[in-house]
Amino acid sequence: MEFVGASGTNVSVMALNNYSSELPLSDFVHYGVILALKKDGAYMSVAEKGPLFIIYPFDEHSELNSELYYSRSVWQIRRITVE
């Protein structure tokens, strides 16, 4: 996150519908969490869970298949804050 001038240990995410979630920044490194902007090469519309979508690689790590990690996968993101 240093390359964008951010420092901190947690990421706070707010969706268009005001759903919010916090996830540790370490999840991005440890699990390879994806911040998706496109699906199949095309920008995602709001109807397709865009404009941004945080998704965990559930198929690659069985321990992620829990309500904790499902709640951290946020779509229709309007704001991301590193704290």
N, C-alpha and C. Protein backbone atom coordinates (compact mmCIF):
# COMPACT_ATOMS: atom_id res chain seq x y z
N MET A 1 0.82 -1.19 0.00
CA MET A 1 0.00 0.00 0.00
C MET A 1 0.86 1.26 0.00
N GLU A 2 2.14 1.07 0.30
CA GLU A 2 3.03 2.24 0.32
C GLU A 2 3.08 2.94 -1.04
N PHE A 3 2.96 2.17 -2.12
CA PHE A 3 3.08 2.77 -3.45
C PHE A 3 1.92 3.71 -3.77
N VAL A 4 0.83 3.65 -3.01
CA VAL A 4 -0.28 4.60 -3.20
C VAL A 4 -0.35 5.59 -2.05
N GLY A 5 0.67 5.58 -1.19
CA GLY A 5 0.73 6.53 -0.09
C GLY A 5 -0.15 6.18 1.09
N ALA A 6 -0.53 4.91 1.21
CA ALA A 6 -1.40 4.48 2.31
C ALA A 6 -0.59 3.64 3.29
N SER A 7 -0.94 3.78 4.56
CA SER A 7 -0.33 2.93 5.58
C SER A 7 -1.41 2.56 6.57
N GLY A 8 -1.29 1.39 7.13
CA GLY A 8 -2.27 0.93 8.10
C GLY A 8 -2.31 -0.58 8.10
N THR A 9 -3.22 -1.13 8.88
CA THR A 9 -3.33 -2.57 9.01
C THR A 9 -4.70 -3.11 8.63
N ASN A 10 -5.68 -2.23 8.48
CA ASN A 10 -7.04 -2.65 8.14
C ASN A 10 -7.57 -1.88 6.95
N VAL A 11 -8.48 -2.51 6.23
CA VAL A 11 -9.16 -1.88 5.11
C VAL A 11 -10.63 -1.81 5.47
N SER A 12 -11.18 -0.62 5.44
CA SER A 12 -12.60 -0.40 5.68
C SER A 12 -13.26 -0.17 4.33
N VAL A 13 -14.33 -0.92 4.05
CA VAL A 13 -14.98 -0.87 2.75
C VAL A 13 -16.45 -0.52 2.94
N MET A 14 -16.94 0.41 2.10
CA MET A 14 -18.34 0.83 2.13
C MET A 14 -18.94 0.59 0.75
N ALA A 15 -20.09 -0.08 0.74
CA ALA A 15 -20.80 -0.35 -0.52
C ALA A 15 -21.82 0.74 -0.81
N LEU A 16 -22.34 0.73 -2.03
CA LEU A 16 -23.34 1.72 -2.43
C LEU A 16 -24.58 1.70 -1.55
N ASN A 17 -24.93 0.50 -1.02
CA ASN A 17 -26.12 0.37 -0.17
C ASN A 17 -25.80 0.59 1.32
N ASN A 18 -24.62 1.14 1.60
CA ASN A 18 -24.13 1.43 2.95
C ASN A 18 -23.70 0.21 3.75
N TYR A 19 -23.66 -0.98 3.13
CA TYR A 19 -23.07 -2.14 3.79
C TYR A 19 -21.60 -1.83 3.97
N SER A 20 -21.06 -2.18 5.13
CA SER A 20 -19.64 -1.94 5.37
C SER A 20 -19.00 -3.17 5.99
N SER A 21 -17.72 -3.29 5.76
CA SER A 21 -16.96 -4.41 6.30
C SER A 21 -15.53 -3.95 6.50
N GLU A 22 -14.86 -4.59 7.42
CA GLU A 22 -13.44 -4.34 7.64
C GLU A 22 -12.69 -5.63 7.46
N LEU A 23 -11.54 -5.54 6.81
CA LEU A 23 -10.72 -6.72 6.65
C LEU A 23 -9.27 -6.35 6.88
N PRO A 24 -8.50 -7.29 7.40
CA PRO A 24 -7.09 -6.99 7.63
C PRO A 24 -6.35 -6.86 6.30
N LEU A 25 -5.48 -5.91 6.22
CA LEU A 25 -4.68 -5.71 5.03
C LEU A 25 -3.87 -6.97 4.72
N SER A 26 -3.51 -7.70 5.74
CA SER A 26 -2.72 -8.93 5.56
C SER A 26 -3.47 -9.97 4.74
N ASP A 27 -4.80 -9.93 4.70
CA ASP A 27 -5.56 -10.88 3.87
C ASP A 27 -5.21 -10.74 2.40
N PHE A 28 -4.93 -9.50 1.95
CA PHE A 28 -4.57 -9.28 0.56
C PHE A 28 -3.29 -10.02 0.21
N VAL A 29 -2.34 -10.02 1.14
CA VAL A 29 -1.06 -10.68 0.90
C VAL A 29 -1.17 -12.18 1.13
N HIS A 30 -1.75 -12.58 2.24
CA HIS A 30 -1.80 -13.99 2.62
C HIS A 30 -2.68 -14.82 1.69
N TYR A 31 -3.85 -14.29 1.33
CA TYR A 31 -4.80 -15.06 0.51
C TYR A 31 -4.88 -14.60 -0.94
N GLY A 32 -4.25 -13.51 -1.27
CA GLY A 32 -4.35 -13.01 -2.64
C GLY A 32 -5.75 -12.49 -2.94
N VAL A 33 -6.31 -11.74 -1.98
CA VAL A 33 -7.64 -11.15 -2.16
C VAL A 33 -7.64 -10.29 -3.42
N ILE A 34 -8.73 -10.36 -4.15
CA ILE A 34 -8.84 -9.67 -5.44
C ILE A 34 -9.72 -8.44 -5.30
N LEU A 35 -9.24 -7.32 -5.82
CA LEU A 35 -10.05 -6.12 -5.97
C LEU A 35 -10.40 -6.07 -7.45
N ALA A 36 -11.60 -6.53 -7.79
CA ALA A 36 -12.00 -6.66 -9.19
C ALA A 36 -12.64 -5.39 -9.71
N LEU A 37 -12.22 -5.01 -10.88
CA LEU A 37 -12.75 -3.86 -11.60
C LEU A 37 -13.45 -4.34 -12.88
N LYS A 38 -12.97 -5.49 -13.39
CA LYS A 38 -13.50 -6.05 -14.63
C LYS A 38 -13.88 -7.51 -14.44
N LYS A 39 -14.81 -7.97 -15.27
CA LYS A 39 -15.19 -9.38 -15.33
C LYS A 39 -15.16 -9.77 -16.80
N ASP A 40 -14.40 -10.80 -17.12
CA ASP A 40 -14.24 -11.24 -18.51
C ASP A 40 -13.79 -10.09 -19.41
N GLY A 41 -12.92 -9.22 -18.89
CA GLY A 41 -12.34 -8.15 -19.67
C GLY A 41 -13.17 -6.88 -19.79
N ALA A 42 -14.39 -6.89 -19.25
CA ALA A 42 -15.26 -5.71 -19.34
C ALA A 42 -15.49 -5.13 -17.96
N TYR A 43 -15.56 -3.80 -17.89
CA TYR A 43 -15.84 -3.15 -16.63
C TYR A 43 -17.19 -3.62 -16.11
N MET A 44 -17.28 -3.83 -14.79
CA MET A 44 -18.53 -4.31 -14.18
C MET A 44 -19.47 -3.15 -13.90
N SER A 45 -20.70 -3.30 -14.30
CA SER A 45 -21.73 -2.31 -13.98
C SER A 45 -22.23 -2.58 -12.56
N VAL A 46 -23.02 -1.68 -12.04
CA VAL A 46 -23.61 -1.86 -10.71
C VAL A 46 -24.47 -3.13 -10.70
N ALA A 47 -25.18 -3.40 -11.78
CA ALA A 47 -26.01 -4.61 -11.87
C ALA A 47 -25.17 -5.89 -11.82
N GLU A 48 -23.88 -5.77 -12.18
CA GLU A 48 -22.97 -6.91 -12.18
C GLU A 48 -22.04 -6.90 -10.96
N LYS A 49 -22.45 -6.21 -9.91
CA LYS A 49 -21.71 -6.10 -8.65
C LYS A 49 -20.55 -5.12 -8.71
N GLY A 50 -20.51 -4.27 -9.73
CA GLY A 50 -19.47 -3.26 -9.87
C GLY A 50 -19.89 -1.98 -9.18
N PRO A 51 -19.12 -0.96 -9.18
CA PRO A 51 -17.94 -0.81 -10.03
C PRO A 51 -16.70 -1.53 -9.51
N LEU A 52 -16.63 -1.83 -8.22
CA LEU A 52 -15.53 -2.60 -7.64
C LEU A 52 -16.10 -3.71 -6.77
N PHE A 53 -15.35 -4.80 -6.68
CA PHE A 53 -15.80 -5.98 -5.93
C PHE A 53 -14.57 -6.59 -5.27
N ILE A 54 -14.61 -6.74 -3.94
CA ILE A 54 -13.55 -7.45 -3.22
C ILE A 54 -14.01 -8.89 -3.08
N ILE A 55 -13.18 -9.80 -3.58
CA ILE A 55 -13.53 -11.22 -3.55
C ILE A 55 -12.33 -12.04 -3.06
N TYR A 56 -12.63 -12.97 -2.18
CA TYR A 56 -11.61 -13.89 -1.68
C TYR A 56 -11.55 -15.11 -2.60
N PRO A 57 -10.38 -15.75 -2.71
CA PRO A 57 -10.27 -16.96 -3.54
C PRO A 57 -10.77 -18.19 -2.77
N PHE A 58 -12.09 -18.28 -2.64
CA PHE A 58 -12.71 -19.34 -1.83
C PHE A 58 -12.36 -20.74 -2.31
N ASP A 59 -12.23 -20.93 -3.60
CA ASP A 59 -11.93 -22.26 -4.14
C ASP A 59 -10.50 -22.71 -3.85
N GLU A 60 -9.61 -21.77 -3.60
CA GLU A 60 -8.21 -22.10 -3.37
C GLU A 60 -7.86 -22.33 -1.91
N HIS A 61 -8.68 -21.83 -0.99
CA HIS A 61 -8.39 -21.95 0.45
C HIS A 61 -9.67 -22.36 1.18
N SER A 62 -9.75 -23.61 1.56
CA SER A 62 -10.98 -24.12 2.19
C SER A 62 -11.31 -23.39 3.49
N GLU A 63 -10.31 -22.87 4.19
CA GLU A 63 -10.57 -22.18 5.45
C GLU A 63 -11.34 -20.87 5.25
N LEU A 64 -11.40 -20.39 4.02
CA LEU A 64 -12.14 -19.16 3.74
C LEU A 64 -13.65 -19.38 3.65
N ASN A 65 -14.07 -20.61 3.57
CA ASN A 65 -15.50 -20.91 3.44
C ASN A 65 -16.19 -20.80 4.79
N SER A 66 -16.32 -19.56 5.25
CA SER A 66 -16.99 -19.28 6.52
C SER A 66 -17.66 -17.92 6.43
N GLU A 67 -18.60 -17.68 7.30
CA GLU A 67 -19.35 -16.42 7.29
C GLU A 67 -18.42 -15.22 7.47
N LEU A 68 -17.35 -15.38 8.22
CA LEU A 68 -16.40 -14.28 8.43
C LEU A 68 -15.86 -13.76 7.10
N TYR A 69 -15.38 -14.66 6.26
CA TYR A 69 -14.79 -14.24 5.00
C TYR A 69 -15.84 -13.88 3.96
N TYR A 70 -17.00 -14.53 4.00
CA TYR A 70 -18.09 -14.13 3.10
C TYR A 70 -18.49 -12.69 3.38
N SER A 71 -18.51 -12.31 4.66
CA SER A 71 -18.93 -10.95 5.01
C SER A 71 -17.89 -9.90 4.59
N ARG A 72 -16.67 -10.33 4.35
CA ARG A 72 -15.62 -9.41 3.92
C ARG A 72 -15.60 -9.21 2.39
N SER A 73 -16.32 -10.04 1.67
CA SER A 73 -16.41 -9.90 0.22
C SER A 73 -17.51 -8.88 -0.08
N VAL A 74 -17.10 -7.71 -0.46
CA VAL A 74 -18.03 -6.60 -0.65
C VAL A 74 -18.10 -6.25 -2.13
N TRP A 75 -19.31 -6.07 -2.63
CA TRP A 75 -19.48 -5.64 -4.02
C TRP A 75 -20.15 -4.28 -4.06
N GLN A 76 -20.18 -3.70 -5.22
CA GLN A 76 -20.71 -2.35 -5.42
C GLN A 76 -20.04 -1.36 -4.47
N ILE A 77 -18.71 -1.43 -4.43
CA ILE A 77 -17.92 -0.61 -3.51
C ILE A 77 -17.93 0.86 -3.94
N ARG A 78 -18.19 1.70 -2.96
CA ARG A 78 -18.11 3.15 -3.23
C ARG A 78 -16.92 3.79 -2.55
N ARG A 79 -16.41 3.18 -1.45
CA ARG A 79 -15.28 3.78 -0.74
C ARG A 79 -14.42 2.70 -0.10
N ILE A 80 -13.11 2.89 -0.18
CA ILE A 80 -12.14 2.03 0.48
C ILE A 80 -11.20 2.93 1.27
N THR A 81 -11.05 2.63 2.55
CA THR A 81 -10.17 3.41 3.42
C THR A 81 -9.19 2.47 4.11
N VAL A 82 -7.91 2.81 4.03
CA VAL A 82 -6.88 2.05 4.74
C VAL A 82 -6.65 2.77 6.06
N GLU A 83 -6.78 2.02 7.15
CA GLU A 83 -6.65 2.61 8.49
C GLU A 83 -5.53 1.95 9.25
